Amino acid sequence: MTDTTLVRNPPTDRRRLLRHVLEMLAAMVAGMLLLDPLWTVAADRLGRSDVLARPGVGALVMAVDMAVGMTVWMRYRGHPWTGVAEMNAAMAVPLVLLVVPWWAGLIDADALTLGAHLLMVPAMVAVAWRRRDADVRHDAPAGRLGTLLRKRWPTLLAVLVTADLWFAPTVPDPWFLLVLPAGYLLIGAYRRQFADRRVLAAQLAHAVGWTALAAVAAHVADPLATVLVAAGWLAHAAWDGWHHRRDRVVPRGYAEWCIVFDIAVGVTVLLTLL
């Protein structure tokens, strides 16, 4: 008789891994959004606002904020302190490694921040996979908060990610519009959604259209360029809405996240005109 406790379920493992990593990222973003204003107020009260403007200090503050958010959530989930420490190390080590070449003048502050963000995700995935058998609570929180997190977590994550845009609106480079169709093509290919050639043709047409829009926006002057960039993001929210309603090409959670994210970017881009 086969001992079913020894039989692994790879799809379940992958879902738990993905859920765990997404939870960590959301907790890190929440930590930054909730704690960063406290650092700003404290620096203002001490008359040392200039300190936070230093790239090294800013990166350290960001790391602390993310570590606090991640620690609180992992402990809520029942992870042992050893697991919390490993996950925090996975987040911090890339930053520590890049600080040395930054101090040496080999990379600039932007490369320090971007590189740390890019490297910490695979490091966290590796730790999460290594500890995938840890005895923790995989159930969602109970009550209204739990219901909200289960049903609307993509919206909440998008709100957290874009919260700073409402306080400091910016206009992203027009060529960032190409990330939108690229996401659908990559995810759709991974999910094997393009067996129907009509679906693939629609996605390719979508990519061509957004490429043309990005090219025009990159070569015209403001304020028209800004309006085109905003229109591209807002129009893509409608594209996301159609896919969310039909449950096509991408997971509905991804489509929901994109709707909120695209609207936030598009509206805040328009705010820069004011």
C-alpha atoms as a PDB file:
ATOM      1  CA  MET A   1       0.000   0.000   0.000  1.00  0.00           C
ATOM      2  CA  THR A   2       1.409   3.377  -1.009  1.00  0.00           C
ATOM      3  CA  ASP A   3       1.947   5.914   1.739  1.00  0.00           C
ATOM      4  CA  THR A   4       0.108   8.938   0.370  1.00  0.00           C
ATOM      5  CA  THR A   5       1.949  11.243   2.766  1.00  0.00           C
ATOM      6  CA  LEU A   6       5.114  10.601   0.752  1.00  0.00           C
ATOM      7  CA  VAL A   7       3.535  11.429  -2.584  1.00  0.00           C
ATOM      8  CA  ARG A   8       4.376  14.962  -3.640  1.00  0.00           C
ATOM      9  CA  ASN A   9       2.013  17.159  -5.593  1.00  0.00           C
ATOM     10  CA  PRO A  10       4.162  19.410  -7.826  1.00  0.00           C
ATOM     11  CA  PRO A  11       1.285  21.662  -8.980  1.00  0.00           C
ATOM     12  CA  THR A  12       0.291  22.279  -5.353  1.00  0.00           C
ATOM     13  CA  ASP A  13       3.910  22.962  -4.439  1.00  0.00           C
ATOM     14  CA  ARG A  14       4.209  25.502  -7.254  1.00  0.00           C
ATOM     15  CA  ARG A  15       0.969  27.234  -6.274  1.00  0.00           C
ATOM     16  CA  ARG A  16       2.070  27.481  -2.663  1.00  0.00           C
ATOM     17  CA  LEU A  17       5.470  28.773  -3.750  1.00  0.00           C
ATOM     18  CA  LEU A  18       3.911  31.423  -5.978  1.00  0.00           C
ATOM     19  CA  ARG A  19       1.440  32.418  -3.279  1.00  0.00           C
ATOM     20  CA  HIS A  20       4.195  32.636  -0.664  1.00  0.00           C
ATOM     21  CA  VAL A  21       6.431  34.819  -2.851  1.00  0.00           C
ATOM     22  CA  LEU A  22       3.553  37.109  -3.840  1.00  0.00           C
ATOM     23  CA  GLU A  23       2.600  37.481  -0.185  1.00  0.00           C
ATOM     24  CA  MET A  24       6.191  38.394   0.671  1.00  0.00           C
ATOM     25  CA  LEU A  25       6.362  40.989  -2.089  1.00  0.00           C
ATOM     26  CA  ALA A  26       3.045  42.511  -1.023  1.00  0.00           C
ATOM     27  CA  ALA A  27       4.198  42.634   2.610  1.00  0.00           C
ATOM     28  CA  MET A  28       7.447  44.301   1.562  1.00  0.00           C
ATOM     29  CA  VAL A  29       5.618  46.954  -0.453  1.00  0.00           C
ATOM     30  CA  ALA A  30       3.212  47.527   2.436  1.00  0.00           C
ATOM     31  CA  GLY A  31       6.163  47.944   4.788  1.00  0.00           C
ATOM     32  CA  MET A  32       7.698  50.601   2.547  1.00  0.00           C
ATOM     33  CA  LEU A  33       4.448  52.509   2.120  1.00  0.00           C
ATOM     34  CA  LEU A  34       3.558  52.467   5.827  1.00  0.00           C
ATOM     35  CA  LEU A  35       6.987  53.104   7.328  1.00  0.00           C
ATOM     36  CA  ASP A  36       8.582  55.495   4.843  1.00  0.00           C
ATOM     37  CA  PRO A  37       6.451  58.477   5.990  1.00  0.00           C
ATOM     38  CA  LEU A  38       7.621  57.821   9.577  1.00  0.00           C
ATOM     39  CA  TRP A  39      11.262  58.093   8.516  1.00  0.00           C
ATOM     40  CA  THR A  40      10.478  61.333   6.699  1.00  0.00           C
ATOM     41  CA  VAL A  41       8.731  62.846   9.716  1.00  0.00           C
ATOM     42  CA  ALA A  42      11.536  61.772  12.051  1.00  0.00           C
ATOM     43  CA  ALA A  43      14.195  63.234   9.752  1.00  0.00           C
ATOM     44  CA  ASP A  44      12.272  66.514   9.481  1.00  0.00           C
ATOM     45  CA  ARG A  45      11.898  66.760  13.259  1.00  0.00           C
ATOM     46  CA  LEU A  46      15.637  66.197  13.702  1.00  0.00           C
ATOM     47  CA  GLY A  47      16.479  68.655  10.938  1.00  0.00           C
ATOM     48  CA  ARG A  48      18.292  65.985   8.929  1.00  0.00           C
ATOM     49  CA  SER A  49      16.099  65.588   5.863  1.00  0.00           C
ATOM     50  CA  ASP A  50      19.242  65.648   3.719  1.00  0.00           C
ATOM     51  CA  VAL A  51      20.355  62.334   5.204  1.00  0.00           C
ATOM     52  CA  LEU A  52      17.457  60.411   3.642  1.00  0.00           C
ATOM     53  CA  ALA A  53      18.351  61.875   0.255  1.00  0.00           C
ATOM     54  CA  ARG A  54      21.668  60.021   0.256  1.00  0.00           C
ATOM     55  CA  PRO A  55      21.417  56.922  -1.986  1.00  0.00           C
ATOM     56  CA  GLY A  56      23.082  54.597   0.514  1.00  0.00           C
ATOM     57  CA  VAL A  57      20.864  55.706   3.380  1.00  0.00           C
ATOM     58  CA  GLY A  58      17.765  55.553   1.188  1.00  0.00           C
ATOM     59  CA  ALA A  59      18.571  51.996   0.141  1.00  0.00           C
ATOM     60  CA  LEU A  60      19.155  50.976   3.776  1.00  0.00           C
ATOM     61  CA  VAL A  61      15.866  52.539   4.906  1.00  0.00           C
ATOM     62  CA  MET A  62      14.027  50.794   2.086  1.00  0.00           C
ATOM     63  CA  ALA A  63      15.553  47.451   3.101  1.00  0.00           C
ATOM     64  CA  VAL A  64      14.537  47.943   6.736  1.00  0.00           C
ATOM     65  CA  ASP A  65      10.976  48.855   5.733  1.00  0.00           C
ATOM     66  CA  MET A  66      10.670  45.765   3.548  1.00  0.00           C
ATOM     67  CA  ALA A  67      12.182  43.531   6.231  1.00  0.00           C
ATOM     68  CA  VAL A  68       9.705  44.751   8.855  1.00  0.00           C
ATOM     69  CA  GLY A  69       6.697  44.189   6.582  1.00  0.00           C
ATOM     70  CA  MET A  70       7.905  40.742   5.554  1.00  0.00           C
ATOM     71  CA  THR A  71       8.714  39.707   9.127  1.00  0.00           C
ATOM     72  CA  VAL A  72       5.286  40.691  10.444  1.00  0.00           C
ATOM     73  CA  TRP A  73       3.496  38.740   7.727  1.00  0.00           C
ATOM     74  CA  MET A  74       5.705  35.650   7.963  1.00  0.00           C
ATOM     75  CA  ARG A  75       5.239  35.467  11.712  1.00  0.00           C
ATOM     76  CA  TYR A  76       1.487  35.813  11.203  1.00  0.00           C
ATOM     77  CA  ARG A  77       1.646  32.857   8.841  1.00  0.00           C
ATOM     78  CA  GLY A  78       3.457  30.848  11.490  1.00  0.00           C
ATOM     79  CA  HIS A  79       6.943  30.732   9.955  1.00  0.00           C
ATOM     80  CA  PRO A  80       9.721  30.053  12.506  1.00  0.00           C
ATOM     81  CA  TRP A  81      12.281  32.752  13.212  1.00  0.00           C
ATOM     82  CA  THR A  82      14.887  30.760  11.281  1.00  0.00           C
ATOM     83  CA  GLY A  83      12.729  30.939   8.165  1.00  0.00           C
ATOM     84  CA  VAL A  84      12.109  34.643   8.707  1.00  0.00           C
ATOM     85  CA  ALA A  85      15.835  35.241   9.081  1.00  0.00           C
ATOM     86  CA  GLU A  86      16.628  33.329   5.883  1.00  0.00           C
ATOM     87  CA  MET A  87      14.030  35.238   3.889  1.00  0.00           C
ATOM     88  CA  ASN A  88      15.279  38.574   5.201  1.00  0.00           C
ATOM     89  CA  ALA A  89      18.827  37.570   4.325  1.00  0.00           C
ATOM     90  CA  ALA A  90      17.720  36.651   0.799  1.00  0.00           C
ATOM     91  CA  MET A  91      16.248  40.125   0.479  1.00  0.00           C
ATOM     92  CA  ALA A  92      19.225  41.960   1.994  1.00  0.00           C
ATOM     93  CA  VAL A  93      22.234  40.091   0.572  1.00  0.00           C
ATOM     94  CA  PRO A  94      21.829  41.435  -3.013  1.00  0.00           C
ATOM     95  CA  LEU A  95      21.770  44.977  -1.625  1.00  0.00           C
ATOM     96  CA  VAL A  96      24.853  44.333   0.510  1.00  0.00           C
ATOM     97  CA  LEU A  97      26.725  42.852  -2.443  1.00  0.00           C
ATOM     98  CA  LEU A  98      25.936  45.841  -4.664  1.00  0.00           C
ATOM     99  CA  VAL A  99      26.834  48.425  -2.035  1.00  0.00           C
ATOM    100  CA  VAL A 100      30.523  47.578  -2.452  1.00  0.00           C
ATOM    101  CA  PRO A 101      30.751  48.416  -6.190  1.00  0.00           C
ATOM    102  CA  TRP A 102      28.543  51.460  -5.530  1.00  0.00           C
ATOM    103  CA  TRP A 103      30.967  52.731  -2.878  1.00  0.00           C
ATOM    104  CA  ALA A 104      33.812  52.056  -5.312  1.00  0.00           C
ATOM    105  CA  GLY A 105      32.092  54.194  -7.944  1.00  0.00           C
ATOM    106  CA  LEU A 106      31.641  51.292 -10.351  1.00  0.00           C
ATOM    107  CA  ILE A 107      27.832  51.627 -10.448  1.00  0.00           C
ATOM    108  CA  ASP A 108      25.484  54.541  -9.824  1.00  0.00           C
ATOM    109  CA  ALA A 109      22.629  54.845  -7.324  1.00  0.00           C
ATOM    110  CA  ASP A 110      19.990  53.789  -9.860  1.00  0.00           C
ATOM    111  CA  ALA A 111      21.914  50.609 -10.659  1.00  0.00           C
ATOM    112  CA  LEU A 112      22.230  49.917  -6.933  1.00  0.00           C
ATOM    113  CA  THR A 113      18.479  50.131  -6.356  1.00  0.00           C
ATOM    114  CA  LEU A 114      17.407  48.386  -9.569  1.00  0.00           C
ATOM    115  CA  GLY A 115      19.977  45.616  -9.209  1.00  0.00           C
ATOM    116  CA  ALA A 116      18.976  44.922  -5.619  1.00  0.00           C
ATOM    117  CA  HIS A 117      15.306  44.638  -6.617  1.00  0.00           C
ATOM    118  CA  LEU A 118      16.056  42.344  -9.556  1.00  0.00           C
ATOM    119  CA  LEU A 119      18.314  40.007  -7.576  1.00  0.00           C
ATOM    120  CA  MET A 120      16.261  39.753  -4.408  1.00  0.00           C
ATOM    121  CA  VAL A 121      13.269  38.114  -6.115  1.00  0.00           C
ATOM    122  CA  PRO A 122      15.105  34.963  -7.348  1.00  0.00           C
ATOM    123  CA  ALA A 123      16.933  34.810  -4.007  1.00  0.00           C
ATOM    124  CA  MET A 124      13.605  34.848  -2.149  1.00  0.00           C
ATOM    125  CA  VAL A 125      12.152  32.236  -4.510  1.00  0.00           C
ATOM    126  CA  ALA A 126      15.128  29.974  -3.779  1.00  0.00           C
ATOM    127  CA  VAL A 127      14.595  30.281  -0.016  1.00  0.00           C
ATOM    128  CA  ALA A 128      10.838  29.742  -0.355  1.00  0.00           C
ATOM    129  CA  TRP A 129      11.437  26.605  -2.443  1.00  0.00           C
ATOM    130  CA  ARG A 130      14.009  25.248   0.000  1.00  0.00           C
ATOM    131  CA  ARG A 131      11.583  25.685   2.893  1.00  0.00           C
ATOM    132  CA  ARG A 132       8.463  24.628   0.982  1.00  0.00           C
ATOM    133  CA  ASP A 133       7.802  21.772   3.422  1.00  0.00           C
ATOM    134  CA  ALA A 134       7.811  24.024   6.479  1.00  0.00           C
ATOM    135  CA  ASP A 135       4.850  23.465   8.797  1.00  0.00           C
ATOM    136  CA  VAL A 136       3.075  26.803   8.457  1.00  0.00           C
ATOM    137  CA  ARG A 137      -0.502  27.952   8.098  1.00  0.00           C
ATOM    138  CA  HIS A 138      -1.459  28.034   4.442  1.00  0.00           C
ATOM    139  CA  ASP A 139      -5.012  29.045   5.188  1.00  0.00           C
ATOM    140  CA  ALA A 140      -6.034  32.629   4.565  1.00  0.00           C
ATOM    141  CA  PRO A 141      -6.887  34.958   7.479  1.00  0.00           C
ATOM    142  CA  ALA A 142     -10.426  34.636   8.764  1.00  0.00           C
ATOM    143  CA  GLY A 143     -13.211  37.189   8.828  1.00  0.00           C
ATOM    144  CA  ARG A 144     -13.877  40.117   6.542  1.00  0.00           C
ATOM    145  CA  LEU A 145     -10.176  40.845   6.143  1.00  0.00           C
ATOM    146  CA  GLY A 146      -9.591  37.269   5.045  1.00  0.00           C
ATOM    147  CA  THR A 147     -12.435  37.459   2.522  1.00  0.00           C
ATOM    148  CA  LEU A 148     -11.056  40.711   1.152  1.00  0.00           C
ATOM    149  CA  LEU A 149      -7.549  39.279   0.847  1.00  0.00           C
ATOM    150  CA  ARG A 150      -8.762  36.112  -0.837  1.00  0.00           C
ATOM    151  CA  LYS A 151     -11.037  37.788  -3.367  1.00  0.00           C
ATOM    152  CA  ARG A 152      -9.417  41.160  -4.010  1.00  0.00           C
ATOM    153  CA  TRP A 153      -5.730  40.609  -3.325  1.00  0.00           C
ATOM    154  CA  PRO A 154      -4.710  41.600  -6.903  1.00  0.00           C
ATOM    155  CA  THR A 155      -6.478  44.945  -6.468  1.00  0.00           C
ATOM    156  CA  LEU A 156      -4.922  45.519  -3.047  1.00  0.00           C
ATOM    157  CA  LEU A 157      -1.470  44.666  -4.376  1.00  0.00           C
ATOM    158  CA  ALA A 158      -1.874  47.068  -7.308  1.00  0.00           C
ATOM    159  CA  VAL A 159      -3.031  49.828  -4.958  1.00  0.00           C
ATOM    160  CA  LEU A 160       0.023  49.316  -2.767  1.00  0.00           C
ATOM    161  CA  VAL A 161       2.415  49.285  -5.719  1.00  0.00           C
ATOM    162  CA  THR A 162       1.015  52.500  -7.203  1.00  0.00           C
ATOM    163  CA  ALA A 163       0.281  54.440  -4.002  1.00  0.00           C
ATOM    164  CA  ASP A 164       3.358  56.657  -4.335  1.00  0.00           C
ATOM    165  CA  LEU A 165       2.339  57.769  -7.844  1.00  0.00           C
ATOM    166  CA  TRP A 166      -0.563  59.768  -6.417  1.00  0.00           C
ATOM    167  CA  PHE A 167       1.836  61.802  -4.265  1.00  0.00           C
ATOM    168  CA  ALA A 168       4.547  62.191  -6.908  1.00  0.00           C
ATOM    169  CA  PRO A 169       3.020  61.737 -10.388  1.00  0.00           C
ATOM    170  CA  THR A 170       5.530  60.938 -13.124  1.00  0.00           C
ATOM    171  CA  VAL A 171       5.430  60.217 -16.840  1.00  0.00           C
ATOM    172  CA  PRO A 172       7.034  56.839 -17.633  1.00  0.00           C
ATOM    173  CA  ASP A 173       9.069  56.498 -20.787  1.00  0.00           C
ATOM    174  CA  PRO A 174       6.726  55.849 -23.745  1.00  0.00           C
ATOM    175  CA  TRP A 175       8.578  52.645 -24.558  1.00  0.00           C
ATOM    176  CA  PHE A 176       7.422  51.180 -21.249  1.00  0.00           C
ATOM    177  CA  LEU A 177       4.099  50.705 -23.029  1.00  0.00           C
ATOM    178  CA  LEU A 178       5.677  47.672 -24.698  1.00  0.00           C
ATOM    179  CA  VAL A 179       5.728  45.886 -21.333  1.00  0.00           C
ATOM    180  CA  LEU A 180       1.936  45.656 -21.501  1.00  0.00           C
ATOM    181  CA  PRO A 181       1.567  43.468 -24.615  1.00  0.00           C
ATOM    182  CA  ALA A 182       4.768  41.594 -23.773  1.00  0.00           C
ATOM    183  CA  GLY A 183       3.224  40.411 -20.511  1.00  0.00           C
ATOM    184  CA  TYR A 184       0.223  38.956 -22.323  1.00  0.00           C
ATOM    185  CA  LEU A 185       2.368  37.244 -24.944  1.00  0.00           C
ATOM    186  CA  LEU A 186       4.745  35.688 -22.420  1.00  0.00           C
ATOM    187  CA  ILE A 187       2.075  34.569 -19.963  1.00  0.00           C
ATOM    188  CA  GLY A 188      -0.215  33.362 -22.736  1.00  0.00           C
ATOM    189  CA  ALA A 189       2.600  31.316 -24.274  1.00  0.00           C
ATOM    190  CA  TYR A 190       3.479  29.816 -20.892  1.00  0.00           C
ATOM    191  CA  ARG A 191      -0.166  28.873 -20.320  1.00  0.00           C
ATOM    192  CA  ARG A 192      -0.451  27.487 -23.885  1.00  0.00           C
ATOM    193  CA  GLN A 193      -3.293  29.820 -24.775  1.00  0.00           C
ATOM    194  CA  PHE A 194      -2.365  30.350 -28.407  1.00  0.00           C
ATOM    195  CA  ALA A 195      -3.511  27.078 -29.939  1.00  0.00           C
ATOM    196  CA  ASP A 196      -6.334  29.141 -31.410  1.00  0.00           C
ATOM    197  CA  ARG A 197      -4.608  31.250 -34.080  1.00  0.00           C
ATOM    198  CA  ARG A 198      -7.235  33.950 -33.774  1.00  0.00           C
ATOM    199  CA  VAL A 199      -6.241  34.514 -30.166  1.00  0.00           C
ATOM    200  CA  LEU A 200      -2.574  34.710 -31.133  1.00  0.00           C
ATOM    201  CA  ALA A 201      -3.366  37.081 -34.008  1.00  0.00           C
ATOM    202  CA  ALA A 202      -5.272  39.380 -31.622  1.00  0.00           C
ATOM    203  CA  GLN A 203      -2.326  39.463 -29.209  1.00  0.00           C
ATOM    204  CA  LEU A 204       0.163  40.195 -31.995  1.00  0.00           C
ATOM    205  CA  ALA A 205      -2.083  42.959 -33.330  1.00  0.00           C
ATOM    206  CA  HIS A 206      -2.265  44.306 -29.780  1.00  0.00           C
ATOM    207  CA  ALA A 207       1.542  44.339 -29.616  1.00  0.00           C
ATOM    208  CA  VAL A 208       1.853  46.104 -32.973  1.00  0.00           C
ATOM    209  CA  GLY A 209      -0.695  48.726 -31.970  1.00  0.00           C
ATOM    210  CA  TRP A 210       1.015  49.553 -28.678  1.00  0.00           C
ATOM    211  CA  THR A 211       4.417  49.616 -30.390  1.00  0.00           C
ATOM    212  CA  ALA A 212       3.095  52.172 -32.872  1.00  0.00           C
ATOM    213  CA  LEU A 213       1.592  54.239 -30.061  1.00  0.00           C
ATOM    214  CA  ALA A 214       4.862  54.158 -28.119  1.00  0.00           C
ATOM    215  CA  ALA A 215       6.823  55.199 -31.214  1.00  0.00           C
ATOM    216  CA  VAL A 216       4.534  58.167 -31.859  1.00  0.00           C
ATOM    217  CA  ALA A 217       4.584  59.243 -28.202  1.00  0.00           C
ATOM    218  CA  ALA A 218       8.381  59.039 -28.178  1.00  0.00           C
ATOM    219  CA  HIS A 219       8.727  61.395 -31.160  1.00  0.00           C
ATOM    220  CA  VAL A 220       6.116  64.083 -30.517  1.00  0.00           C
ATOM    221  CA  ALA A 221       6.425  67.009 -28.149  1.00  0.00           C
ATOM    222  CA  ASP A 222       4.619  67.575 -24.880  1.00  0.00           C
ATOM    223  CA  PRO A 223       1.829  67.854 -23.912  1.00  0.00           C
ATOM    224  CA  LEU A 224       0.705  65.549 -26.731  1.00  0.00           C
ATOM    225  CA  ALA A 225       3.302  62.934 -25.772  1.00  0.00           C
ATOM    226  CA  THR A 226       2.035  62.866 -22.196  1.00  0.00           C
ATOM    227  CA  VAL A 227      -1.570  62.548 -23.347  1.00  0.00           C
ATOM    228  CA  LEU A 228      -0.654  59.632 -25.626  1.00  0.00           C
ATOM    229  CA  VAL A 229       1.214  57.833 -22.859  1.00  0.00           C
ATOM    230  CA  ALA A 230      -1.766  58.258 -20.505  1.00  0.00           C
ATOM    231  CA  ALA A 231      -4.164  57.111 -23.224  1.00  0.00           C
ATOM    232  CA  GLY A 232      -2.068  53.998 -23.806  1.00  0.00           C
ATOM    233  CA  TRP A 233      -2.186  52.961 -20.161  1.00  0.00           C
ATOM    234  CA  LEU A 234      -5.883  53.727 -19.767  1.00  0.00           C
ATOM    235  CA  ALA A 235      -6.785  51.938 -22.990  1.00  0.00           C
ATOM    236  CA  HIS A 236      -4.872  48.908 -21.802  1.00  0.00           C
ATOM    237  CA  ALA A 237      -7.050  48.857 -18.681  1.00  0.00           C
ATOM    238  CA  ALA A 238     -10.011  48.236 -20.993  1.00  0.00           C
ATOM    239  CA  TRP A 239      -8.043  45.443 -22.692  1.00  0.00           C
ATOM    240  CA  ASP A 240      -7.393  43.934 -19.246  1.00  0.00           C
ATOM    241  CA  GLY A 241     -11.083  44.241 -18.389  1.00  0.00           C
ATOM    242  CA  TRP A 242     -12.123  42.292 -21.479  1.00  0.00           C
ATOM    243  CA  HIS A 243      -9.683  39.484 -20.671  1.00  0.00           C
ATOM    244  CA  HIS A 244     -10.752  39.457 -17.036  1.00  0.00           C
ATOM    245  CA  ARG A 245     -14.403  39.145 -18.016  1.00  0.00           C
ATOM    246  CA  ARG A 246     -13.707  36.389 -20.558  1.00  0.00           C
ATOM    247  CA  ASP A 247     -11.024  34.685 -18.442  1.00  0.00           C
ATOM    248  CA  ARG A 248      -8.775  34.423 -21.501  1.00  0.00           C
ATOM    249  CA  VAL A 249      -5.000  34.297 -22.105  1.00  0.00           C
ATOM    250  CA  VAL A 250      -3.878  35.443 -18.622  1.00  0.00           C
ATOM    251  CA  PRO A 251      -5.115  34.434 -15.133  1.00  0.00           C
ATOM    252  CA  ARG A 252      -7.982  36.571 -13.896  1.00  0.00           C
ATOM    253  CA  GLY A 253      -5.912  37.676 -10.922  1.00  0.00           C
ATOM    254  CA  TYR A 254      -3.257  39.076 -13.238  1.00  0.00           C
ATOM    255  CA  ALA A 255      -5.878  40.840 -15.354  1.00  0.00           C
ATOM    256  CA  GLU A 256      -7.456  42.369 -12.238  1.00  0.00           C
ATOM    257  CA  TRP A 257      -4.065  43.573 -11.016  1.00  0.00           C
ATOM    258  CA  CYS A 258      -3.360  45.104 -14.427  1.00  0.00           C
ATOM    259  CA  ILE A 259      -6.691  46.942 -14.520  1.00  0.00           C
ATOM    260  CA  VAL A 260      -5.983  48.789 -11.284  1.00  0.00           C
ATOM    261  CA  PHE A 261      -2.301  49.315 -12.069  1.00  0.00           C
ATOM    262  CA  ASP A 262      -2.955  50.665 -15.581  1.00  0.00           C
ATOM    263  CA  ILE A 263      -5.689  53.036 -14.404  1.00  0.00           C
ATOM    264  CA  ALA A 264      -3.466  54.374 -11.622  1.00  0.00           C
ATOM    265  CA  VAL A 265      -0.575  54.979 -14.024  1.00  0.00           C
ATOM    266  CA  GLY A 266      -2.793  56.540 -16.691  1.00  0.00           C
ATOM    267  CA  VAL A 267      -4.609  58.899 -14.322  1.00  0.00           C
ATOM    268  CA  THR A 268      -1.444  60.002 -12.505  1.00  0.00           C
ATOM    269  CA  VAL A 269       0.245  60.677 -15.851  1.00  0.00           C
ATOM    270  CA  LEU A 270      -2.645  62.999 -16.695  1.00  0.00           C
ATOM    271  CA  LEU A 271      -2.188  64.671 -13.310  1.00  0.00           C
ATOM    272  CA  THR A 272       1.288  65.787 -14.374  1.00  0.00           C
ATOM    273  CA  LEU A 273      -0.398  68.093 -16.920  1.00  0.00           C
ATOM    274  CA  LEU A 274      -1.966  70.010 -14.037  1.00  0.00           C
END
